[in-house]
Amino acid sequence: MEQIDSSSLKSVLHSKRANIYYLEHCRLLVKGGRVEYVTDSGKRSLYWNIPIANTTSILLGTGTSITQAAMRELARAGVLVGFCGGGGTPLFTAGSAAQKGPTKE
């Protein structure tokens, strides 16, 4: 299977993006060039794809972990990542230098 580079994804305006995810008790990782979350179901693990080009934000609840590779891909796609639960709601985001708008000179 051919891997898709996230920099080749077409940008979707945040106002046109449809998906907001709240995830808990799972792991976010990159598998086969895609950002996926893994849940445990008995003796097997279930993998679910997250369509990052059409995602506005992901809220990570309790019991959730994320790899650096997954965070890097989400940042390249301009997805807001928030950590919530546990008595407070710190909000973190990341952006890529390639997605910055024009600068005034």
PDB file of N, CA and C in Angstrom:
ATOM      1  N   MET A   1       0.849  -1.177   0.000  1.00  0.00           N
ATOM      2  CA  MET A   1       0.000   0.000   0.000  1.00  0.00           C
ATOM      3  C   MET A   1       0.892   1.237   0.000  1.00  0.00           C
ATOM      4  N   GLU A   2       0.545   2.189  -0.837  1.00  0.00           N
ATOM      5  CA  GLU A   2       1.312   3.415  -0.954  1.00  0.00           C
ATOM      6  C   GLU A   2       0.972   4.372   0.182  1.00  0.00           C
ATOM      7  N   GLN A   3       2.008   4.939   0.816  1.00  0.00           N
ATOM      8  CA  GLN A   3       1.770   5.882   1.907  1.00  0.00           C
ATOM      9  C   GLN A   3       1.451   7.257   1.341  1.00  0.00           C
ATOM     10  N   ILE A   4       0.526   7.948   1.989  1.00  0.00           N
ATOM     11  CA  ILE A   4       0.138   9.294   1.575  1.00  0.00           C
ATOM     12  C   ILE A   4       0.833  10.282   2.488  1.00  0.00           C
ATOM     13  N   ASP A   5       1.564  11.199   1.892  1.00  0.00           N
ATOM     14  CA  ASP A   5       2.245  12.239   2.657  1.00  0.00           C
ATOM     15  C   ASP A   5       1.233  13.312   3.034  1.00  0.00           C
ATOM     16  N   SER A   6       1.204  13.697   4.301  1.00  0.00           N
ATOM     17  CA  SER A   6       0.201  14.664   4.757  1.00  0.00           C
ATOM     18  C   SER A   6       0.380  16.027   4.097  1.00  0.00           C
ATOM     19  N   SER A   7       1.589  16.337   3.626  1.00  0.00           N
ATOM     20  CA  SER A   7       1.789  17.625   2.971  1.00  0.00           C
ATOM     21  C   SER A   7       1.135  17.665   1.598  1.00  0.00           C
ATOM     22  N   SER A   8       0.774  16.506   1.045  1.00  0.00           N
ATOM     23  CA  SER A   8       0.109  16.470  -0.255  1.00  0.00           C
ATOM     24  C   SER A   8      -1.402  16.599  -0.133  1.00  0.00           C
ATOM     25  N   LEU A   9      -1.934  16.616   1.103  1.00  0.00           N
ATOM     26  CA  LEU A   9      -3.370  16.774   1.291  1.00  0.00           C
ATOM     27  C   LEU A   9      -3.792  18.195   0.952  1.00  0.00           C
ATOM     28  N   LYS A  10      -4.923  18.325   0.318  1.00  0.00           N
ATOM     29  CA  LYS A  10      -5.433  19.652   0.027  1.00  0.00           C
ATOM     30  C   LYS A  10      -5.979  20.256   1.309  1.00  0.00           C
ATOM     31  N   SER A  11      -5.748  21.539   1.475  1.00  0.00           N
ATOM     32  CA  SER A  11      -6.226  22.214   2.675  1.00  0.00           C
ATOM     33  C   SER A  11      -7.729  22.423   2.595  1.00  0.00           C
ATOM     34  N   VAL A  12      -8.399  22.119   3.693  1.00  0.00           N
ATOM     35  CA  VAL A  12      -9.827  22.360   3.806  1.00  0.00           C
ATOM     36  C   VAL A  12      -9.995  23.473   4.835  1.00  0.00           C
ATOM     37  N   LEU A  13     -10.733  24.503   4.477  1.00  0.00           N
ATOM     38  CA  LEU A  13     -10.946  25.601   5.410  1.00  0.00           C
ATOM     39  C   LEU A  13     -11.592  25.087   6.692  1.00  0.00           C
ATOM     40  N   HIS A  14     -11.200  25.664   7.825  1.00  0.00           N
ATOM     41  CA  HIS A  14     -11.768  25.216   9.098  1.00  0.00           C
ATOM     42  C   HIS A  14     -13.283  25.406   9.129  1.00  0.00           C
ATOM     43  N   SER A  15     -13.782  26.411   8.447  1.00  0.00           N
ATOM     44  CA  SER A  15     -15.230  26.627   8.432  1.00  0.00           C
ATOM     45  C   SER A  15     -15.964  25.546   7.647  1.00  0.00           C
ATOM     46  N   LYS A  16     -15.253  24.807   6.803  1.00  0.00           N
ATOM     47  CA  LYS A  16     -15.864  23.752   6.001  1.00  0.00           C
ATOM     48  C   LYS A  16     -15.593  22.354   6.556  1.00  0.00           C
ATOM     49  N   ARG A  17     -14.754  22.259   7.583  1.00  0.00           N
ATOM     50  CA  ARG A  17     -14.464  20.961   8.179  1.00  0.00           C
ATOM     51  C   ARG A  17     -15.636  20.511   9.046  1.00  0.00           C
ATOM     52  N   ALA A  18     -15.880  19.208   9.077  1.00  0.00           N
ATOM     53  CA  ALA A  18     -17.083  18.708   9.717  1.00  0.00           C
ATOM     54  C   ALA A  18     -16.840  17.912  10.996  1.00  0.00           C
ATOM     55  N   ASN A  19     -15.667  17.388  11.193  1.00  0.00           N
ATOM     56  CA  ASN A  19     -15.464  16.403  12.254  1.00  0.00           C
ATOM     57  C   ASN A  19     -14.817  16.984  13.503  1.00  0.00           C
ATOM     58  N   ILE A  20     -15.402  16.656  14.641  1.00  0.00           N
ATOM     59  CA  ILE A  20     -14.828  16.907  15.957  1.00  0.00           C
ATOM     60  C   ILE A  20     -14.897  15.580  16.693  1.00  0.00           C
ATOM     61  N   TYR A  21     -13.771  15.136  17.226  1.00  0.00           N
ATOM     62  CA  TYR A  21     -13.723  13.846  17.914  1.00  0.00           C
ATOM     63  C   TYR A  21     -13.436  14.041  19.392  1.00  0.00           C
ATOM     64  N   TYR A  22     -14.115  13.261  20.225  1.00  0.00           N
ATOM     65  CA  TYR A  22     -13.782  13.133  21.638  1.00  0.00           C
ATOM     66  C   TYR A  22     -13.413  11.671  21.853  1.00  0.00           C
ATOM     67  N   LEU A  23     -12.190  11.437  22.262  1.00  0.00           N
ATOM     68  CA  LEU A  23     -11.688  10.071  22.432  1.00  0.00           C
ATOM     69  C   LEU A  23     -11.230   9.869  23.865  1.00  0.00           C
ATOM     70  N   GLU A  24     -11.517   8.694  24.410  1.00  0.00           N
ATOM     71  CA  GLU A  24     -10.990   8.333  25.725  1.00  0.00           C
ATOM     72  C   GLU A  24     -10.701   6.841  25.756  1.00  0.00           C
ATOM     73  N   HIS A  25      -9.761   6.480  26.610  1.00  0.00           N
ATOM     74  CA  HIS A  25      -9.337   5.092  26.795  1.00  0.00           C
ATOM     75  C   HIS A  25      -8.886   4.458  25.472  1.00  0.00           C
ATOM     76  N   CYS A  26      -8.002   5.160  24.768  1.00  0.00           N
ATOM     77  CA  CYS A  26      -7.473   4.632  23.514  1.00  0.00           C
ATOM     78  C   CYS A  26      -6.076   5.207  23.270  1.00  0.00           C
ATOM     79  N   ARG A  27      -5.446   4.758  22.194  1.00  0.00           N
ATOM     80  CA  ARG A  27      -4.126   5.243  21.793  1.00  0.00           C
ATOM     81  C   ARG A  27      -4.226   5.820  20.391  1.00  0.00           C
ATOM     82  N   LEU A  28      -3.615   6.988  20.159  1.00  0.00           N
ATOM     83  CA  LEU A  28      -3.534   7.569  18.823  1.00  0.00           C
ATOM     84  C   LEU A  28      -2.137   7.341  18.295  1.00  0.00           C
ATOM     85  N   LEU A  29      -2.043   6.875  17.066  1.00  0.00           N
ATOM     86  CA  LEU A  29      -0.753   6.582  16.464  1.00  0.00           C
ATOM     87  C   LEU A  29      -0.855   6.704  14.955  1.00  0.00           C
ATOM     88  N   VAL A  30       0.301   6.634  14.301  1.00  0.00           N
ATOM     89  CA  VAL A  30       0.351   6.648  12.846  1.00  0.00           C
ATOM     90  C   VAL A  30       0.632   5.227  12.388  1.00  0.00           C
ATOM     91  N   LYS A  31      -0.228   4.739  11.504  1.00  0.00           N
ATOM     92  CA  LYS A  31      -0.065   3.388  10.967  1.00  0.00           C
ATOM     93  C   LYS A  31      -0.341   3.450   9.475  1.00  0.00           C
ATOM     94  N   GLY A  32       0.639   3.069   8.679  1.00  0.00           N
ATOM     95  CA  GLY A  32       0.468   3.106   7.236  1.00  0.00           C
ATOM     96  C   GLY A  32       0.282   4.507   6.685  1.00  0.00           C
ATOM     97  N   GLY A  33       0.861   5.514   7.349  1.00  0.00           N
ATOM     98  CA  GLY A  33       0.737   6.893   6.903  1.00  0.00           C
ATOM     99  C   GLY A  33      -0.561   7.569   7.297  1.00  0.00           C
ATOM    100  N   ARG A  34      -1.418   6.887   8.064  1.00  0.00           N
ATOM    101  CA  ARG A  34      -2.687   7.452   8.503  1.00  0.00           C
ATOM    102  C   ARG A  34      -2.711   7.573  10.016  1.00  0.00           C
ATOM    103  N   VAL A  35      -3.413   8.586  10.507  1.00  0.00           N
ATOM    104  CA  VAL A  35      -3.601   8.729  11.946  1.00  0.00           C
ATOM    105  C   VAL A  35      -4.786   7.849  12.336  1.00  0.00           C
ATOM    106  N   GLU A  36      -4.556   6.961  13.288  1.00  0.00           N
ATOM    107  CA  GLU A  36      -5.596   6.041  13.735  1.00  0.00           C
ATOM    108  C   GLU A  36      -5.645   6.017  15.247  1.00  0.00           C
ATOM    109  N   TYR A  37      -6.796   5.603  15.773  1.00  0.00           N
ATOM    110  CA  TYR A  37      -6.866   5.347  17.205  1.00  0.00           C
ATOM    111  C   TYR A  37      -7.182   3.880  17.411  1.00  0.00           C
ATOM    112  N   VAL A  38      -6.619   3.341  18.494  1.00  0.00           N
ATOM    113  CA  VAL A  38      -6.697   1.915  18.778  1.00  0.00           C
ATOM    114  C   VAL A  38      -7.464   1.716  20.070  1.00  0.00           C
ATOM    115  N   THR A  39      -8.453   0.833  20.016  1.00  0.00           N
ATOM    116  CA  THR A  39      -9.182   0.443  21.216  1.00  0.00           C
ATOM    117  C   THR A  39      -8.990  -1.049  21.425  1.00  0.00           C
ATOM    118  N   ASP A  40      -9.056  -1.471  22.656  1.00  0.00           N
ATOM    119  CA  ASP A  40      -8.926  -2.887  22.969  1.00  0.00           C
ATOM    120  C   ASP A  40     -10.302  -3.498  23.150  1.00  0.00           C
ATOM    121  N   SER A  41     -10.521  -4.600  22.462  1.00  0.00           N
ATOM    122  CA  SER A  41     -11.784  -5.322  22.574  1.00  0.00           C
ATOM    123  C   SER A  41     -11.453  -6.777  22.873  1.00  0.00           C
ATOM    124  N   GLY A  42     -11.443  -7.103  24.151  1.00  0.00           N
ATOM    125  CA  GLY A  42     -11.068  -8.459  24.545  1.00  0.00           C
ATOM    126  C   GLY A  42      -9.605  -8.721  24.268  1.00  0.00           C
ATOM    127  N   LYS A  43      -9.312  -9.754  23.477  1.00  0.00           N
ATOM    128  CA  LYS A  43      -7.935 -10.119  23.186  1.00  0.00           C
ATOM    129  C   LYS A  43      -7.402  -9.468  21.914  1.00  0.00           C
ATOM    130  N   ARG A  44      -8.210  -8.662  21.240  1.00  0.00           N
ATOM    131  CA  ARG A  44      -7.743  -8.046  20.004  1.00  0.00           C
ATOM    132  C   ARG A  44      -7.846  -6.528  20.086  1.00  0.00           C
ATOM    133  N   SER A  45      -7.086  -5.875  19.231  1.00  0.00           N
ATOM    134  CA  SER A  45      -7.101  -4.418  19.148  1.00  0.00           C
ATOM    135  C   SER A  45      -7.835  -3.997  17.882  1.00  0.00           C
ATOM    136  N   LEU A  46      -8.668  -2.980  17.998  1.00  0.00           N
ATOM    137  CA  LEU A  46      -9.419  -2.463  16.858  1.00  0.00           C
ATOM    138  C   LEU A  46      -8.839  -1.116  16.448  1.00  0.00           C
ATOM    139  N   TYR A  47      -8.535  -0.948  15.161  1.00  0.00           N
ATOM    140  CA  TYR A  47      -7.941   0.272  14.630  1.00  0.00           C
ATOM    141  C   TYR A  47      -9.006   1.044  13.849  1.00  0.00           C
ATOM    142  N   TRP A  48      -9.087   2.345  14.117  1.00  0.00           N
ATOM    143  CA  TRP A  48     -10.064   3.210  13.456  1.00  0.00           C
ATOM    144  C   TRP A  48      -9.345   4.409  12.863  1.00  0.00           C
ATOM    145  N   ASN A  49      -9.596   4.690  11.595  1.00  0.00           N
ATOM    146  CA  ASN A  49      -8.970   5.801  10.891  1.00  0.00           C
ATOM    147  C   ASN A  49      -9.621   7.133  11.292  1.00  0.00           C
ATOM    148  N   ILE A  50      -8.805   8.187  11.388  1.00  0.00           N
ATOM    149  CA  ILE A  50      -9.303   9.539  11.624  1.00  0.00           C
ATOM    150  C   ILE A  50      -9.025  10.347  10.359  1.00  0.00           C
ATOM    151  N   PRO A  51     -10.051  10.842   9.668  1.00  0.00           N
ATOM    152  CA  PRO A  51      -9.831  11.627   8.450  1.00  0.00           C
ATOM    153  C   PRO A  51      -9.352  13.037   8.792  1.00  0.00           C
ATOM    154  N   ILE A  52      -8.036  13.208   8.908  1.00  0.00           N
ATOM    155  CA  ILE A  52      -7.484  14.458   9.432  1.00  0.00           C
ATOM    156  C   ILE A  52      -7.706  15.651   8.517  1.00  0.00           C
ATOM    157  N   ALA A  53      -7.862  15.429   7.211  1.00  0.00           N
ATOM    158  CA  ALA A  53      -8.068  16.560   6.299  1.00  0.00           C
ATOM    159  C   ALA A  53      -9.426  17.220   6.516  1.00  0.00           C
ATOM    160  N   ASN A  54     -10.366  16.488   7.105  1.00  0.00           N
ATOM    161  CA  ASN A  54     -11.709  17.018   7.319  1.00  0.00           C
ATOM    162  C   ASN A  54     -12.051  17.117   8.811  1.00  0.00           C
ATOM    163  N   THR A  55     -11.021  17.181   9.651  1.00  0.00           N
ATOM    164  CA  THR A  55     -11.230  17.231  11.097  1.00  0.00           C
ATOM    165  C   THR A  55     -10.827  18.600  11.640  1.00  0.00           C
ATOM    166  N   THR A  56     -11.699  19.194  12.426  1.00  0.00           N
ATOM    167  CA  THR A  56     -11.416  20.488  13.049  1.00  0.00           C
ATOM    168  C   THR A  56     -10.614  20.317  14.323  1.00  0.00           C
ATOM    169  N   SER A  57     -11.084  19.447  15.214  1.00  0.00           N
ATOM    170  CA  SER A  57     -10.400  19.281  16.485  1.00  0.00           C
ATOM    171  C   SER A  57     -10.603  17.876  17.036  1.00  0.00           C
ATOM    172  N   ILE A  58      -9.675  17.502  17.895  1.00  0.00           N
ATOM    173  CA  ILE A  58      -9.730  16.232  18.607  1.00  0.00           C
ATOM    174  C   ILE A  58      -9.554  16.531  20.082  1.00  0.00           C
ATOM    175  N   LEU A  59     -10.490  16.084  20.888  1.00  0.00           N
ATOM    176  CA  LEU A  59     -10.399  16.226  22.334  1.00  0.00           C
ATOM    177  C   LEU A  59     -10.033  14.876  22.921  1.00  0.00           C
ATOM    178  N   LEU A  60      -8.957  14.841  23.674  1.00  0.00           N
ATOM    179  CA  LEU A  60      -8.467  13.599  24.259  1.00  0.00           C
ATOM    180  C   LEU A  60      -8.843  13.559  25.734  1.00  0.00           C
ATOM    181  N   GLY A  61      -9.659  12.592  26.087  1.00  0.00           N
ATOM    182  CA  GLY A  61     -10.117  12.454  27.466  1.00  0.00           C
ATOM    183  C   GLY A  61      -9.191  11.581  28.277  1.00  0.00           C
ATOM    184  N   THR A  62      -9.686  11.118  29.409  1.00  0.00           N
ATOM    185  CA  THR A  62      -8.879  10.321  30.319  1.00  0.00           C
ATOM    186  C   THR A  62      -8.503   8.987  29.683  1.00  0.00           C
ATOM    187  N   GLY A  63      -7.327   8.504  30.038  1.00  0.00           N
ATOM    188  CA  GLY A  63      -6.859   7.214  29.562  1.00  0.00           C
ATOM    189  C   GLY A  63      -6.418   7.199  28.114  1.00  0.00           C
ATOM    190  N   THR A  64      -6.121   8.362  27.559  1.00  0.00           N
ATOM    191  CA  THR A  64      -5.733   8.454  26.148  1.00  0.00           C
ATOM    192  C   THR A  64      -4.260   8.826  26.044  1.00  0.00           C
ATOM    193  N   SER A  65      -3.574   8.205  25.095  1.00  0.00           N
ATOM    194  CA  SER A  65      -2.182   8.565  24.818  1.00  0.00           C
ATOM    195  C   SER A  65      -2.041   8.846  23.330  1.00  0.00           C
ATOM    196  N   ILE A  66      -1.035   9.655  22.988  1.00  0.00           N
ATOM    197  CA  ILE A  66      -0.804  10.024  21.595  1.00  0.00           C
ATOM    198  C   ILE A  66       0.688   9.976  21.326  1.00  0.00           C
ATOM    199  N   THR A  67       1.069   9.469  20.173  1.00  0.00           N
ATOM    200  CA  THR A  67       2.490   9.404  19.821  1.00  0.00           C
ATOM    201  C   THR A  67       2.935  10.732  19.218  1.00  0.00           C
ATOM    202  N   GLN A  68       4.244  10.947  19.213  1.00  0.00           N
ATOM    203  CA  GLN A  68       4.772  12.160  18.612  1.00  0.00           C
ATOM    204  C   GLN A  68       4.493  12.195  17.116  1.00  0.00           C
ATOM    205  N   ALA A  69       4.557  11.047  16.462  1.00  0.00           N
ATOM    206  CA  ALA A  69       4.282  10.988  15.027  1.00  0.00           C
ATOM    207  C   ALA A  69       2.838  11.396  14.724  1.00  0.00           C
ATOM    208  N   ALA A  70       1.901  10.944  15.557  1.00  0.00           N
ATOM    209  CA  ALA A  70       0.501  11.314  15.358  1.00  0.00           C
ATOM    210  C   ALA A  70       0.303  12.812  15.585  1.00  0.00           C
ATOM    211  N   MET A  71       0.931  13.355  16.607  1.00  0.00           N
ATOM    212  CA  MET A  71       0.814  14.792  16.876  1.00  0.00           C
ATOM    213  C   MET A  71       1.404  15.601  15.732  1.00  0.00           C
ATOM    214  N   ARG A  72       2.501  15.132  15.176  1.00  0.00           N
ATOM    215  CA  ARG A  72       3.142  15.808  14.042  1.00  0.00           C
ATOM    216  C   ARG A  72       2.197  15.837  12.825  1.00  0.00           C
ATOM    217  N   GLU A  73       1.552  14.716  12.520  1.00  0.00           N
ATOM    218  CA  GLU A  73       0.626  14.652  11.385  1.00  0.00           C
ATOM    219  C   GLU A  73      -0.598  15.533  11.612  1.00  0.00           C
ATOM    220  N   LEU A  74      -1.113  15.545  12.828  1.00  0.00           N
ATOM    221  CA  LEU A  74      -2.256  16.400  13.145  1.00  0.00           C
ATOM    222  C   LEU A  74      -1.887  17.874  13.014  1.00  0.00           C
ATOM    223  N   ALA A  75      -0.684  18.231  13.435  1.00  0.00           N
ATOM    224  CA  ALA A  75      -0.228  19.614  13.327  1.00  0.00           C
ATOM    225  C   ALA A  75      -0.090  20.023  11.864  1.00  0.00           C
ATOM    226  N   ARG A  76       0.445  19.138  11.034  1.00  0.00           N
ATOM    227  CA  ARG A  76       0.586  19.440   9.603  1.00  0.00           C
ATOM    228  C   ARG A  76      -0.764  19.659   8.940  1.00  0.00           C
ATOM    229  N   ALA A  77      -1.784  18.944   9.402  1.00  0.00           N
ATOM    230  CA  ALA A  77      -3.123  19.075   8.826  1.00  0.00           C
ATOM    231  C   ALA A  77      -3.905  20.222   9.453  1.00  0.00           C
ATOM    232  N   GLY A  78      -3.339  20.878  10.476  1.00  0.00           N
ATOM    233  CA  GLY A  78      -4.006  22.007  11.117  1.00  0.00           C
ATOM    234  C   GLY A  78      -5.125  21.615  12.055  1.00  0.00           C
ATOM    235  N   VAL A  79      -5.017  20.444  12.659  1.00  0.00           N
ATOM    236  CA  VAL A  79      -6.046  19.960  13.575  1.00  0.00           C
ATOM    237  C   VAL A  79      -5.726  20.441  14.990  1.00  0.00           C
ATOM    238  N   LEU A  80      -6.707  21.025  15.652  1.00  0.00           N
ATOM    239  CA  LEU A  80      -6.560  21.472  17.032  1.00  0.00           C
ATOM    240  C   LEU A  80      -6.664  20.256  17.941  1.00  0.00           C
ATOM    241  N   VAL A  81      -5.718  20.098  18.862  1.00  0.00           N
ATOM    242  CA  VAL A  81      -5.721  18.968  19.787  1.00  0.00           C
ATOM    243  C   VAL A  81      -5.874  19.508  21.201  1.00  0.00           C
ATOM    244  N   GLY A  82      -6.886  19.019  21.903  1.00  0.00           N
ATOM    245  CA  GLY A  82      -7.127  19.454  23.269  1.00  0.00           C
ATOM    246  C   GLY A  82      -7.098  18.274  24.212  1.00  0.00           C
ATOM    247  N   PHE A  83      -6.595  18.499  25.406  1.00  0.00           N
ATOM    248  CA  PHE A  83      -6.565  17.476  26.445  1.00  0.00           C
ATOM    249  C   PHE A  83      -7.572  17.886  27.505  1.00  0.00           C
ATOM    250  N   CYS A  84      -8.550  17.042  27.770  1.00  0.00           N
ATOM    251  CA  CYS A  84      -9.585  17.408  28.723  1.00  0.00           C
ATOM    252  C   CYS A  84      -9.829  16.270  29.702  1.00  0.00           C
ATOM    253  N   GLY A  85     -10.491  16.603  30.796  1.00  0.00           N
ATOM    254  CA  GLY A  85     -10.728  15.631  31.844  1.00  0.00           C
ATOM    255  C   GLY A  85      -9.737  15.822  32.973  1.00  0.00           C
ATOM    256  N   GLY A  86      -9.939  15.119  34.043  1.00  0.00           N
ATOM    257  CA  GLY A  86      -9.007  15.181  35.164  1.00  0.00           C
ATOM    258  C   GLY A  86      -9.077  16.477  35.949  1.00  0.00           C
ATOM    259  N   GLY A  87     -10.208  17.169  35.936  1.00  0.00           N
ATOM    260  CA  GLY A  87     -10.365  18.361  36.758  1.00  0.00           C
ATOM    261  C   GLY A  87     -10.014  19.670  36.083  1.00  0.00           C
ATOM    262  N   GLY A  88      -9.441  19.646  34.906  1.00  0.00           N
ATOM    263  CA  GLY A  88      -9.092  20.871  34.201  1.00  0.00           C
ATOM    264  C   GLY A  88      -9.139  20.632  32.705  1.00  0.00           C
ATOM    265  N   THR A  89      -9.068  21.693  31.950  1.00  0.00           N
ATOM    266  CA  THR A  89      -9.124  21.544  30.507  1.00  0.00           C
ATOM    267  C   THR A  89      -8.029  22.373  29.855  1.00  0.00           C
ATOM    268  N   PRO A  90      -6.781  21.921  29.914  1.00  0.00           N
ATOM    269  CA  PRO A  90      -5.748  22.642  29.171  1.00  0.00           C
ATOM    270  C   PRO A  90      -5.939  22.382  27.674  1.00  0.00           C
ATOM    271  N   LEU A  91      -5.677  23.369  26.855  1.00  0.00           N
ATOM    272  CA  LEU A  91      -5.871  23.239  25.426  1.00  0.00           C
ATOM    273  C   LEU A  91      -4.561  23.531  24.717  1.00  0.00           C
ATOM    274  N   PHE A  92      -4.133  22.607  23.888  1.00  0.00           N
ATOM    275  CA  PHE A  92      -2.873  22.748  23.174  1.00  0.00           C
ATOM    276  C   PHE A  92      -3.144  22.667  21.685  1.00  0.00           C
ATOM    277  N   THR A  93      -2.314  23.330  20.907  1.00  0.00           N
ATOM    278  CA  THR A  93      -2.419  23.249  19.460  1.00  0.00           C
ATOM    279  C   THR A  93      -1.033  23.344  18.865  1.00  0.00           C
ATOM    280  N   ALA A  94      -0.913  22.946  17.653  1.00  0.00           N
ATOM    281  CA  ALA A  94       0.364  23.042  16.950  1.00  0.00           C
ATOM    282  C   ALA A  94       0.084  23.383  15.502  1.00  0.00           C
ATOM    283  N   GLY A  95       1.010  24.047  14.880  1.00  0.00           N
ATOM    284  CA  GLY A  95       0.858  24.395  13.482  1.00  0.00           C
ATOM    285  C   GLY A  95       2.161  24.213  12.748  1.00  0.00           C
ATOM    286  N   SER A  96       2.065  24.069  11.475  1.00  0.00           N
ATOM    287  CA  SER A  96       3.248  23.892  10.636  1.00  0.00           C
ATOM    288  C   SER A  96       3.629  25.217  10.019  1.00  0.00           C
ATOM    289  N   ALA A  97       4.917  25.437   9.827  1.00  0.00           N
ATOM    290  CA  ALA A  97       5.373  26.668   9.201  1.00  0.00           C
ATOM    291  C   ALA A  97       4.843  26.782   7.783  1.00  0.00           C
ATOM    292  N   ALA A  98       4.561  25.663   7.141  1.00  0.00           N
ATOM    293  CA  ALA A  98       4.048  25.675   5.770  1.00  0.00           C
ATOM    294  C   ALA A  98       2.625  26.198   5.707  1.00  0.00           C
ATOM    295  N   GLN A  99       1.908  26.214   6.830  1.00  0.00           N
ATOM    296  CA  GLN A  99       0.525  26.659   6.822  1.00  0.00           C
ATOM    297  C   GLN A  99       0.356  28.091   7.275  1.00  0.00           C
ATOM    298  N   LYS A 100       1.432  28.784   7.545  1.00  0.00           N
ATOM    299  CA  LYS A 100       1.311  30.170   7.960  1.00  0.00           C
ATOM    300  C   LYS A 100       0.868  31.012   6.771  1.00  0.00           C
ATOM    301  N   GLY A 101       0.106  32.012   7.061  1.00  0.00           N
ATOM    302  CA  GLY A 101      -0.379  32.911   6.012  1.00  0.00           C
ATOM    303  C   GLY A 101       0.711  33.853   5.534  1.00  0.00           C
ATOM    304  N   PRO A 102       0.372  34.706   4.582  1.00  0.00           N
ATOM    305  CA  PRO A 102       1.357  35.645   4.060  1.00  0.00           C
ATOM    306  C   PRO A 102       1.789  36.634   5.140  1.00  0.00           C
ATOM    307  N   THR A 103       3.035  37.001   5.109  1.00  0.00           N
ATOM    308  CA  THR A 103       3.575  37.935   6.098  1.00  0.00           C
ATOM    309  C   THR A 103       3.696  39.318   5.479  1.00  0.00           C
ATOM    310  N   LYS A 104       3.563  40.335   6.301  1.00  0.00           N
ATOM    311  CA  LYS A 104       3.743  41.715   5.833  1.00  0.00           C
ATOM    312  C   LYS A 104       5.211  42.060   5.898  1.00  0.00           C
ATOM    313  N   GLU A 105       5.697  42.667   4.872  1.00  0.00           N
ATOM    314  CA  GLU A 105       7.109  43.074   4.851  1.00  0.00           C
ATOM    315  C   GLU A 105       7.232  44.556   4.739  1.00  0.00           C
TER     316      GLU A 105
END
